[in-house]
Amino acid sequence: MNLIFVNEEDEYSLKQLYYFIRKNIPDWKLTYSTVLLFMGTKVDKQETMSDYEYFKYLEKLQVSFFHSQKYIVMENTEVISSGHIIYRTPNIVDISFIVDKNHRQKGIATKTLALVEENLFKKPNIYFTTITDMSFHHESSKIALKSGYIYDEELKYFVKINPHINISELEKKHLKI
């Protein structure tokens, strides 16, 4: 499995993400535009844009608004999962993911999460990753717990510390001890 970060200049990764989203979220236009409208972002109507051009437009809005990055996970030549990394702060990153409908219940989500964490935890400025479970049957909760996340009742999301950082040094740095 290969983790590929989607870049607006990389037409290949954008098209792969587009085909994946179109296949796995049949009402993607409504989903994308509703999220943006809910967050107060003005969204133009599709009008003369092709579906792919409209997808690129909505992607660009979403990535810039959420200070985020999209990724795809490929196995051979097929995209088997996709996700979104949202920077809650410069040091805390929320991870979301979706698995291709033909590859669910095969451990792909857990492997995808591990690939994303491996990439993020190499960065010393990333202290924590979080997962907010918005899945209908709480699949993300199960994956988060299996992957070492702890549910924070106060924050209402799952949290995992970067295993490559020293907590006591982090406390000293931020608490000025």
N, C-alpha and C. Protein backbone atom coordinates (compact mmCIF):
# COMPACT_ATOMS: atom_id res chain seq x y z
N MET A 1 0.84 -1.19 0.00
CA MET A 1 0.00 0.00 0.00
C MET A 1 0.88 1.24 0.00
N ASN A 2 0.49 2.21 -0.81
CA ASN A 2 1.25 3.45 -0.92
C ASN A 2 0.40 4.64 -0.55
N LEU A 3 0.93 5.48 0.32
CA LEU A 3 0.27 6.72 0.73
C LEU A 3 0.72 7.82 -0.21
N ILE A 4 -0.24 8.51 -0.83
CA ILE A 4 0.06 9.59 -1.76
C ILE A 4 -0.70 10.83 -1.31
N PHE A 5 0.02 11.90 -1.08
CA PHE A 5 -0.64 13.15 -0.72
C PHE A 5 -1.10 13.84 -2.00
N VAL A 6 -2.34 14.27 -1.99
CA VAL A 6 -2.95 14.90 -3.16
C VAL A 6 -2.52 16.35 -3.21
N ASN A 7 -2.14 16.77 -4.40
CA ASN A 7 -1.63 18.12 -4.61
C ASN A 7 -2.37 18.70 -5.80
N GLU A 8 -2.81 19.94 -5.70
CA GLU A 8 -3.59 20.53 -6.79
C GLU A 8 -2.79 20.66 -8.08
N GLU A 9 -1.47 20.64 -8.01
CA GLU A 9 -0.64 20.68 -9.22
C GLU A 9 -0.44 19.30 -9.82
N ASP A 10 -0.77 18.26 -9.07
CA ASP A 10 -0.58 16.88 -9.53
C ASP A 10 -1.92 16.34 -10.05
N GLU A 11 -2.09 16.45 -11.36
CA GLU A 11 -3.35 16.06 -11.98
C GLU A 11 -3.67 14.58 -11.74
N TYR A 12 -2.66 13.74 -11.71
CA TYR A 12 -2.88 12.31 -11.50
C TYR A 12 -3.52 12.04 -10.13
N SER A 13 -2.95 12.59 -9.06
CA SER A 13 -3.50 12.33 -7.73
C SER A 13 -4.89 12.94 -7.58
N LEU A 14 -5.11 14.11 -8.16
CA LEU A 14 -6.43 14.74 -8.12
C LEU A 14 -7.49 13.89 -8.83
N LYS A 15 -7.13 13.38 -10.00
CA LYS A 15 -8.08 12.55 -10.74
C LYS A 15 -8.36 11.25 -10.00
N GLN A 16 -7.34 10.66 -9.40
CA GLN A 16 -7.55 9.44 -8.63
C GLN A 16 -8.49 9.69 -7.46
N LEU A 17 -8.29 10.81 -6.77
CA LEU A 17 -9.17 11.17 -5.66
C LEU A 17 -10.59 11.41 -6.18
N TYR A 18 -10.72 12.11 -7.29
CA TYR A 18 -12.03 12.39 -7.87
C TYR A 18 -12.80 11.10 -8.18
N TYR A 19 -12.15 10.17 -8.85
CA TYR A 19 -12.82 8.91 -9.20
C TYR A 19 -13.20 8.13 -7.94
N PHE A 20 -12.33 8.16 -6.95
CA PHE A 20 -12.61 7.47 -5.69
C PHE A 20 -13.81 8.09 -4.99
N ILE A 21 -13.82 9.41 -4.87
CA ILE A 21 -14.91 10.12 -4.20
C ILE A 21 -16.22 9.89 -4.95
N ARG A 22 -16.18 10.02 -6.25
CA ARG A 22 -17.38 9.83 -7.06
C ARG A 22 -17.96 8.42 -6.88
N LYS A 23 -17.10 7.44 -6.77
CA LYS A 23 -17.54 6.05 -6.59
C LYS A 23 -18.09 5.79 -5.19
N ASN A 24 -17.47 6.38 -4.17
CA ASN A 24 -17.79 6.04 -2.78
C ASN A 24 -18.71 7.03 -2.07
N ILE A 25 -18.89 8.21 -2.65
CA ILE A 25 -19.82 9.19 -2.09
C ILE A 25 -20.69 9.68 -3.24
N PRO A 26 -21.75 8.93 -3.55
CA PRO A 26 -22.56 9.27 -4.73
C PRO A 26 -23.08 10.71 -4.71
N ASP A 27 -23.37 11.27 -3.55
CA ASP A 27 -23.86 12.65 -3.47
C ASP A 27 -22.73 13.60 -3.07
N TRP A 28 -21.55 13.40 -3.65
CA TRP A 28 -20.37 14.16 -3.26
C TRP A 28 -20.54 15.67 -3.44
N LYS A 29 -21.22 16.10 -4.48
CA LYS A 29 -21.39 17.54 -4.69
C LYS A 29 -22.16 18.16 -3.52
N LEU A 30 -23.22 17.52 -3.13
CA LEU A 30 -24.01 18.00 -2.00
C LEU A 30 -23.21 17.95 -0.71
N THR A 31 -22.49 16.86 -0.49
CA THR A 31 -21.68 16.70 0.72
C THR A 31 -20.62 17.79 0.81
N TYR A 32 -19.86 17.97 -0.25
CA TYR A 32 -18.79 18.98 -0.26
C TYR A 32 -19.34 20.38 -0.05
N SER A 33 -20.34 20.74 -0.85
CA SER A 33 -20.85 22.11 -0.77
C SER A 33 -21.56 22.38 0.55
N THR A 34 -22.25 21.39 1.11
CA THR A 34 -22.94 21.57 2.39
C THR A 34 -21.94 21.85 3.51
N VAL A 35 -20.85 21.09 3.55
CA VAL A 35 -19.83 21.31 4.58
C VAL A 35 -19.28 22.73 4.46
N LEU A 36 -18.97 23.15 3.26
CA LEU A 36 -18.42 24.50 3.07
C LEU A 36 -19.43 25.58 3.42
N LEU A 37 -20.67 25.40 3.00
CA LEU A 37 -21.70 26.38 3.33
C LEU A 37 -21.94 26.45 4.83
N PHE A 38 -21.93 25.30 5.49
CA PHE A 38 -22.10 25.25 6.94
C PHE A 38 -21.00 26.04 7.65
N MET A 39 -19.80 26.00 7.09
CA MET A 39 -18.68 26.70 7.69
C MET A 39 -18.64 28.17 7.26
N GLY A 40 -19.62 28.60 6.46
CA GLY A 40 -19.70 30.01 6.09
C GLY A 40 -18.92 30.38 4.85
N THR A 41 -18.51 29.40 4.06
CA THR A 41 -17.75 29.67 2.85
C THR A 41 -18.70 29.79 1.66
N LYS A 42 -18.52 30.84 0.88
CA LYS A 42 -19.35 31.01 -0.31
C LYS A 42 -18.95 29.96 -1.35
N VAL A 43 -19.96 29.26 -1.89
CA VAL A 43 -19.71 28.23 -2.89
C VAL A 43 -20.46 28.61 -4.17
N ASP A 44 -19.71 28.73 -5.28
CA ASP A 44 -20.33 29.04 -6.56
C ASP A 44 -21.08 27.82 -7.08
N LYS A 45 -22.08 28.06 -7.91
CA LYS A 45 -22.81 26.96 -8.55
C LYS A 45 -21.94 26.37 -9.65
N GLN A 46 -22.22 25.12 -10.00
CA GLN A 46 -21.42 24.41 -10.98
C GLN A 46 -21.52 25.05 -12.37
N GLU A 47 -22.71 25.42 -12.78
CA GLU A 47 -23.00 26.03 -14.06
C GLU A 47 -22.23 25.42 -15.23
N THR A 48 -21.17 26.06 -15.71
CA THR A 48 -20.50 25.58 -16.93
C THR A 48 -19.31 24.66 -16.66
N MET A 49 -18.98 24.44 -15.40
CA MET A 49 -17.85 23.56 -15.09
C MET A 49 -18.23 22.10 -15.27
N SER A 50 -17.28 21.30 -15.73
CA SER A 50 -17.49 19.85 -15.77
C SER A 50 -17.50 19.35 -14.33
N ASP A 51 -17.95 18.13 -14.11
CA ASP A 51 -17.94 17.57 -12.76
C ASP A 51 -16.53 17.57 -12.18
N TYR A 52 -15.55 17.22 -12.99
CA TYR A 52 -14.17 17.18 -12.50
C TYR A 52 -13.67 18.57 -12.15
N GLU A 53 -13.95 19.56 -12.98
CA GLU A 53 -13.55 20.94 -12.68
C GLU A 53 -14.22 21.44 -11.41
N TYR A 54 -15.49 21.09 -11.24
CA TYR A 54 -16.22 21.49 -10.03
C TYR A 54 -15.63 20.80 -8.80
N PHE A 55 -15.25 19.55 -8.95
CA PHE A 55 -14.59 18.82 -7.87
C PHE A 55 -13.30 19.53 -7.47
N LYS A 56 -12.48 19.90 -8.45
CA LYS A 56 -11.22 20.60 -8.16
C LYS A 56 -11.49 21.93 -7.44
N TYR A 57 -12.50 22.63 -7.88
CA TYR A 57 -12.89 23.90 -7.26
C TYR A 57 -13.28 23.68 -5.80
N LEU A 58 -14.14 22.69 -5.53
CA LEU A 58 -14.58 22.41 -4.16
C LEU A 58 -13.43 21.90 -3.30
N GLU A 59 -12.56 21.08 -3.87
CA GLU A 59 -11.38 20.59 -3.15
C GLU A 59 -10.51 21.75 -2.70
N LYS A 60 -10.25 22.66 -3.61
CA LYS A 60 -9.39 23.80 -3.30
C LYS A 60 -10.00 24.64 -2.17
N LEU A 61 -11.30 24.87 -2.23
CA LEU A 61 -11.97 25.62 -1.16
C LEU A 61 -11.84 24.89 0.17
N GLN A 62 -12.10 23.59 0.14
CA GLN A 62 -12.09 22.81 1.37
C GLN A 62 -10.70 22.76 1.99
N VAL A 63 -9.70 22.50 1.19
CA VAL A 63 -8.33 22.39 1.69
C VAL A 63 -7.85 23.72 2.26
N SER A 64 -8.17 24.82 1.58
CA SER A 64 -7.71 26.12 2.09
C SER A 64 -8.50 26.53 3.33
N PHE A 65 -9.80 26.27 3.36
CA PHE A 65 -10.60 26.66 4.52
C PHE A 65 -10.19 25.90 5.77
N PHE A 66 -10.00 24.59 5.64
CA PHE A 66 -9.70 23.76 6.81
C PHE A 66 -8.21 23.66 7.12
N HIS A 67 -7.35 24.35 6.38
CA HIS A 67 -5.91 24.21 6.54
C HIS A 67 -5.60 22.71 6.63
N SER A 68 -5.78 22.06 5.51
CA SER A 68 -5.74 20.61 5.52
C SER A 68 -5.04 20.06 4.30
N GLN A 69 -4.96 18.75 4.27
CA GLN A 69 -4.34 18.05 3.17
C GLN A 69 -5.11 16.76 2.93
N LYS A 70 -5.32 16.41 1.67
CA LYS A 70 -5.99 15.17 1.31
C LYS A 70 -4.95 14.13 0.93
N TYR A 71 -5.31 12.87 1.08
CA TYR A 71 -4.42 11.80 0.67
C TYR A 71 -5.24 10.65 0.10
N ILE A 72 -4.56 9.81 -0.67
CA ILE A 72 -5.14 8.56 -1.15
C ILE A 72 -4.17 7.44 -0.79
N VAL A 73 -4.71 6.25 -0.65
CA VAL A 73 -3.88 5.07 -0.44
C VAL A 73 -4.16 4.14 -1.61
N MET A 74 -3.09 3.75 -2.29
CA MET A 74 -3.23 2.89 -3.46
C MET A 74 -2.63 1.53 -3.20
N GLU A 75 -3.27 0.55 -3.77
CA GLU A 75 -2.72 -0.81 -3.78
C GLU A 75 -2.65 -1.19 -5.25
N ASN A 76 -1.45 -1.40 -5.72
CA ASN A 76 -1.20 -1.58 -7.15
C ASN A 76 -1.68 -0.32 -7.86
N THR A 77 -2.69 -0.39 -8.72
CA THR A 77 -3.16 0.79 -9.45
C THR A 77 -4.52 1.27 -8.97
N GLU A 78 -5.01 0.72 -7.87
CA GLU A 78 -6.35 1.03 -7.38
C GLU A 78 -6.30 1.85 -6.08
N VAL A 79 -7.12 2.89 -6.02
CA VAL A 79 -7.27 3.65 -4.78
C VAL A 79 -8.20 2.86 -3.88
N ILE A 80 -7.70 2.49 -2.69
CA ILE A 80 -8.52 1.68 -1.78
C ILE A 80 -9.00 2.47 -0.56
N SER A 81 -8.40 3.63 -0.34
CA SER A 81 -8.90 4.50 0.72
C SER A 81 -8.43 5.93 0.46
N SER A 82 -9.09 6.82 1.16
CA SER A 82 -8.79 8.24 1.00
C SER A 82 -9.03 8.90 2.34
N GLY A 83 -8.47 10.07 2.50
CA GLY A 83 -8.71 10.75 3.76
C GLY A 83 -8.30 12.20 3.73
N HIS A 84 -8.42 12.78 4.90
CA HIS A 84 -8.27 14.21 5.08
C HIS A 84 -7.51 14.43 6.38
N ILE A 85 -6.49 15.23 6.33
CA ILE A 85 -5.73 15.61 7.51
C ILE A 85 -6.04 17.08 7.76
N ILE A 86 -6.62 17.38 8.91
CA ILE A 86 -6.97 18.76 9.23
C ILE A 86 -6.13 19.21 10.41
N TYR A 87 -5.43 20.31 10.25
CA TYR A 87 -4.61 20.86 11.33
C TYR A 87 -5.51 21.65 12.27
N ARG A 88 -5.79 21.07 13.44
CA ARG A 88 -6.57 21.77 14.48
C ARG A 88 -5.74 22.95 15.01
N THR A 89 -4.46 22.69 15.20
CA THR A 89 -3.47 23.70 15.58
C THR A 89 -2.20 23.31 14.81
N PRO A 90 -1.14 24.09 14.89
CA PRO A 90 0.10 23.67 14.22
C PRO A 90 0.66 22.35 14.77
N ASN A 91 0.22 21.93 15.97
CA ASN A 91 0.77 20.74 16.60
C ASN A 91 -0.22 19.59 16.77
N ILE A 92 -1.47 19.81 16.42
CA ILE A 92 -2.50 18.79 16.59
C ILE A 92 -3.22 18.59 15.26
N VAL A 93 -3.26 17.33 14.82
CA VAL A 93 -3.81 17.01 13.51
C VAL A 93 -4.95 16.01 13.65
N ASP A 94 -6.09 16.31 13.01
CA ASP A 94 -7.22 15.39 12.99
C ASP A 94 -7.15 14.57 11.70
N ILE A 95 -7.35 13.26 11.83
CA ILE A 95 -7.28 12.36 10.69
C ILE A 95 -8.66 11.79 10.41
N SER A 96 -9.09 11.87 9.16
CA SER A 96 -10.32 11.19 8.77
C SER A 96 -10.00 10.30 7.57
N PHE A 97 -10.83 9.30 7.35
CA PHE A 97 -10.58 8.38 6.25
C PHE A 97 -11.87 7.71 5.81
N ILE A 98 -11.85 7.25 4.57
CA ILE A 98 -12.95 6.47 4.01
C ILE A 98 -12.32 5.34 3.21
N VAL A 99 -12.90 4.16 3.33
CA VAL A 99 -12.39 2.99 2.61
C VAL A 99 -13.33 2.70 1.45
N ASP A 100 -12.75 2.31 0.33
CA ASP A 100 -13.54 1.94 -0.83
C ASP A 100 -14.59 0.91 -0.43
N LYS A 101 -15.80 1.10 -0.94
CA LYS A 101 -16.92 0.24 -0.54
C LYS A 101 -16.66 -1.24 -0.84
N ASN A 102 -15.79 -1.55 -1.79
CA ASN A 102 -15.48 -2.96 -2.11
C ASN A 102 -14.34 -3.52 -1.26
N HIS A 103 -13.76 -2.69 -0.39
CA HIS A 103 -12.62 -3.14 0.42
C HIS A 103 -12.86 -3.00 1.92
N ARG A 104 -14.09 -2.79 2.32
CA ARG A 104 -14.39 -2.62 3.74
C ARG A 104 -14.34 -3.96 4.46
N GLN A 105 -14.14 -3.88 5.78
CA GLN A 105 -14.06 -5.07 6.64
C GLN A 105 -12.86 -5.96 6.31
N LYS A 106 -11.78 -5.34 5.80
CA LYS A 106 -10.57 -6.09 5.44
C LYS A 106 -9.33 -5.51 6.12
N GLY A 107 -9.52 -4.62 7.09
CA GLY A 107 -8.40 -4.03 7.80
C GLY A 107 -7.73 -2.86 7.09
N ILE A 108 -8.31 -2.41 5.99
CA ILE A 108 -7.72 -1.32 5.21
C ILE A 108 -7.70 -0.01 6.00
N ALA A 109 -8.76 0.28 6.74
CA ALA A 109 -8.80 1.53 7.52
C ALA A 109 -7.69 1.56 8.55
N THR A 110 -7.47 0.46 9.24
CA THR A 110 -6.41 0.40 10.25
C THR A 110 -5.04 0.58 9.60
N LYS A 111 -4.84 -0.05 8.45
CA LYS A 111 -3.56 0.09 7.74
C LYS A 111 -3.39 1.52 7.21
N THR A 112 -4.49 2.11 6.72
CA THR A 112 -4.43 3.49 6.24
C THR A 112 -4.04 4.43 7.38
N LEU A 113 -4.69 4.26 8.52
CA LEU A 113 -4.38 5.10 9.68
C LEU A 113 -2.91 4.95 10.07
N ALA A 114 -2.40 3.73 10.07
CA ALA A 114 -0.99 3.49 10.42
C ALA A 114 -0.06 4.20 9.44
N LEU A 115 -0.37 4.17 8.15
CA LEU A 115 0.46 4.86 7.15
C LEU A 115 0.46 6.37 7.37
N VAL A 116 -0.72 6.93 7.64
CA VAL A 116 -0.82 8.37 7.86
C VAL A 116 -0.07 8.76 9.13
N GLU A 117 -0.27 7.99 10.21
CA GLU A 117 0.44 8.27 11.47
C GLU A 117 1.95 8.20 11.28
N GLU A 118 2.40 7.17 10.57
CA GLU A 118 3.84 7.02 10.33
C GLU A 118 4.40 8.27 9.69
N ASN A 119 3.69 8.81 8.72
CA ASN A 119 4.13 10.02 8.04
C ASN A 119 4.08 11.23 8.97
N LEU A 120 2.98 11.39 9.69
CA LEU A 120 2.82 12.56 10.57
C LEU A 120 3.77 12.53 11.76
N PHE A 121 3.95 11.37 12.37
CA PHE A 121 4.76 11.27 13.58
C PHE A 121 6.26 11.42 13.31
N LYS A 122 6.66 11.46 12.05
CA LYS A 122 8.06 11.76 11.72
C LYS A 122 8.36 13.24 11.95
N LYS A 123 7.30 14.04 12.01
CA LYS A 123 7.44 15.48 12.17
C LYS A 123 7.44 15.82 13.66
N PRO A 124 8.54 16.37 14.17
CA PRO A 124 8.63 16.65 15.61
C PRO A 124 7.65 17.73 16.09
N ASN A 125 7.09 18.52 15.16
CA ASN A 125 6.14 19.55 15.58
C ASN A 125 4.71 19.01 15.72
N ILE A 126 4.47 17.76 15.33
CA ILE A 126 3.15 17.14 15.50
C ILE A 126 3.17 16.40 16.83
N TYR A 127 2.44 16.92 17.82
CA TYR A 127 2.42 16.35 19.16
C TYR A 127 1.34 15.29 19.31
N PHE A 128 0.17 15.55 18.72
CA PHE A 128 -0.97 14.65 18.87
C PHE A 128 -1.69 14.49 17.54
N THR A 129 -2.32 13.33 17.36
CA THR A 129 -3.29 13.15 16.29
C THR A 129 -4.63 12.87 16.96
N THR A 130 -5.69 13.24 16.28
CA THR A 130 -7.03 13.02 16.81
C THR A 130 -7.91 12.39 15.74
N ILE A 131 -8.96 11.74 16.19
CA ILE A 131 -9.98 11.19 15.30
C ILE A 131 -11.33 11.55 15.89
N THR A 132 -12.16 12.14 15.07
CA THR A 132 -13.54 12.43 15.47
C THR A 132 -14.42 11.41 14.75
N ASP A 133 -15.16 10.61 15.51
CA ASP A 133 -15.98 9.56 14.89
C ASP A 133 -17.31 10.12 14.44
N MET A 134 -17.48 10.18 13.12
CA MET A 134 -18.75 10.62 12.55
C MET A 134 -19.39 9.48 11.76
N SER A 135 -18.87 8.26 11.94
CA SER A 135 -19.40 7.12 11.21
C SER A 135 -20.70 6.62 11.84
N PHE A 136 -21.55 6.08 11.01
CA PHE A 136 -22.89 5.68 11.43
C PHE A 136 -22.87 4.56 12.49
N HIS A 137 -22.00 3.58 12.30
CA HIS A 137 -21.93 2.44 13.23
C HIS A 137 -20.70 2.51 14.14
N HIS A 138 -20.11 3.67 14.27
CA HIS A 138 -18.95 3.91 15.13
C HIS A 138 -17.73 3.07 14.73
N GLU A 139 -17.59 2.85 13.43
CA GLU A 139 -16.42 2.10 12.94
C GLU A 139 -15.12 2.81 13.29
N SER A 140 -15.13 4.15 13.16
CA SER A 140 -13.91 4.91 13.45
C SER A 140 -13.50 4.79 14.91
N SER A 141 -14.46 4.69 15.81
CA SER A 141 -14.15 4.50 17.24
C SER A 141 -13.42 3.19 17.45
N LYS A 142 -13.90 2.15 16.82
CA LYS A 142 -13.27 0.82 16.95
C LYS A 142 -11.85 0.84 16.41
N ILE A 143 -11.67 1.48 15.27
CA ILE A 143 -10.34 1.57 14.65
C ILE A 143 -9.41 2.41 15.53
N ALA A 144 -9.92 3.52 16.05
CA ALA A 144 -9.11 4.39 16.91
C ALA A 144 -8.64 3.64 18.15
N LEU A 145 -9.55 2.96 18.83
CA LEU A 145 -9.18 2.22 20.04
C LEU A 145 -8.19 1.11 19.73
N LYS A 146 -8.41 0.40 18.62
CA LYS A 146 -7.50 -0.68 18.22
C LYS A 146 -6.11 -0.14 17.88
N SER A 147 -6.05 1.13 17.47
CA SER A 147 -4.79 1.75 17.06
C SER A 147 -4.12 2.55 18.17
N GLY A 148 -4.61 2.42 19.40
CA GLY A 148 -3.95 3.05 20.54
C GLY A 148 -4.43 4.43 20.91
N TYR A 149 -5.54 4.86 20.38
CA TYR A 149 -6.11 6.17 20.74
C TYR A 149 -6.89 6.04 22.03
N ILE A 150 -6.99 7.16 22.73
CA ILE A 150 -7.76 7.23 23.98
C ILE A 150 -8.87 8.25 23.77
N TYR A 151 -10.07 7.90 24.19
CA TYR A 151 -11.19 8.82 24.03
C TYR A 151 -11.17 9.86 25.13
N ASP A 152 -11.23 11.13 24.73
CA ASP A 152 -11.26 12.23 25.68
C ASP A 152 -12.70 12.70 25.82
N GLU A 153 -13.30 12.45 26.97
CA GLU A 153 -14.71 12.79 27.22
C GLU A 153 -14.96 14.29 27.09
N GLU A 154 -14.02 15.08 27.55
CA GLU A 154 -14.20 16.53 27.51
C GLU A 154 -14.15 17.07 26.09
N LEU A 155 -13.17 16.60 25.32
CA LEU A 155 -13.00 17.08 23.95
C LEU A 155 -13.93 16.39 22.96
N LYS A 156 -14.38 15.20 23.30
CA LYS A 156 -15.29 14.40 22.46
C LYS A 156 -14.62 13.87 21.20
N TYR A 157 -13.33 13.57 21.29
CA TYR A 157 -12.66 12.89 20.20
C TYR A 157 -11.53 12.02 20.74
N PHE A 158 -11.01 11.16 19.88
CA PHE A 158 -9.94 10.24 20.24
C PHE A 158 -8.59 10.93 20.04
N VAL A 159 -7.66 10.67 20.95
CA VAL A 159 -6.36 11.35 20.94
C VAL A 159 -5.24 10.33 21.04
N LYS A 160 -4.16 10.58 20.31
CA LYS A 160 -2.95 9.75 20.40
C LYS A 160 -1.74 10.66 20.38
N ILE A 161 -0.81 10.40 21.28
CA ILE A 161 0.41 11.21 21.34
C ILE A 161 1.45 10.67 20.36
N ASN A 162 2.22 11.56 19.80
CA ASN A 162 3.33 11.17 18.93
C ASN A 162 4.32 10.37 19.77
N PRO A 163 4.56 9.11 19.43
CA PRO A 163 5.45 8.27 20.25
C PRO A 163 6.92 8.68 20.18
N HIS A 164 7.26 9.59 19.27
CA HIS A 164 8.65 10.01 19.11
C HIS A 164 9.00 11.27 19.88
N ILE A 165 8.04 11.81 20.65
CA ILE A 165 8.36 13.00 21.43
C ILE A 165 8.34 12.67 22.91
N ASN A 166 9.08 13.44 23.66
CA ASN A 166 9.20 13.26 25.10
C ASN A 166 8.21 14.19 25.78
N ILE A 167 7.23 13.61 26.47
CA ILE A 167 6.18 14.40 27.11
C ILE A 167 6.73 15.38 28.13
N SER A 168 7.68 14.96 28.94
CA SER A 168 8.19 15.88 29.97
C SER A 168 8.89 17.08 29.33
N GLU A 169 9.59 16.87 28.23
CA GLU A 169 10.22 17.99 27.52
C GLU A 169 9.14 18.90 26.91
N LEU A 170 8.10 18.29 26.40
CA LEU A 170 6.99 19.05 25.83
C LEU A 170 6.31 19.90 26.89
N GLU A 171 6.08 19.33 28.07
CA GLU A 171 5.47 20.08 29.17
C GLU A 171 6.35 21.26 29.58
N LYS A 172 7.66 21.01 29.70
CA LYS A 172 8.58 22.08 30.07
C LYS A 172 8.54 23.21 29.05
N LYS A 173 8.54 22.84 27.79
CA LYS A 173 8.56 23.80 26.70
C LYS A 173 7.31 24.68 26.71
N HIS A 174 6.14 24.06 26.91
CA HIS A 174 4.89 24.79 26.82
C HIS A 174 4.40 25.39 28.14
N LEU A 175 4.85 24.82 29.23
CA LEU A 175 4.44 25.33 30.54
C LEU A 175 5.50 26.23 31.14
N LYS A 176 6.64 26.36 30.42
CA LYS A 176 7.74 27.22 30.85
C LYS A 176 8.25 26.83 32.25
N ILE A 177 8.39 25.51 32.45
CA ILE A 177 8.85 24.99 33.77
C ILE A 177 10.35 25.15 33.88
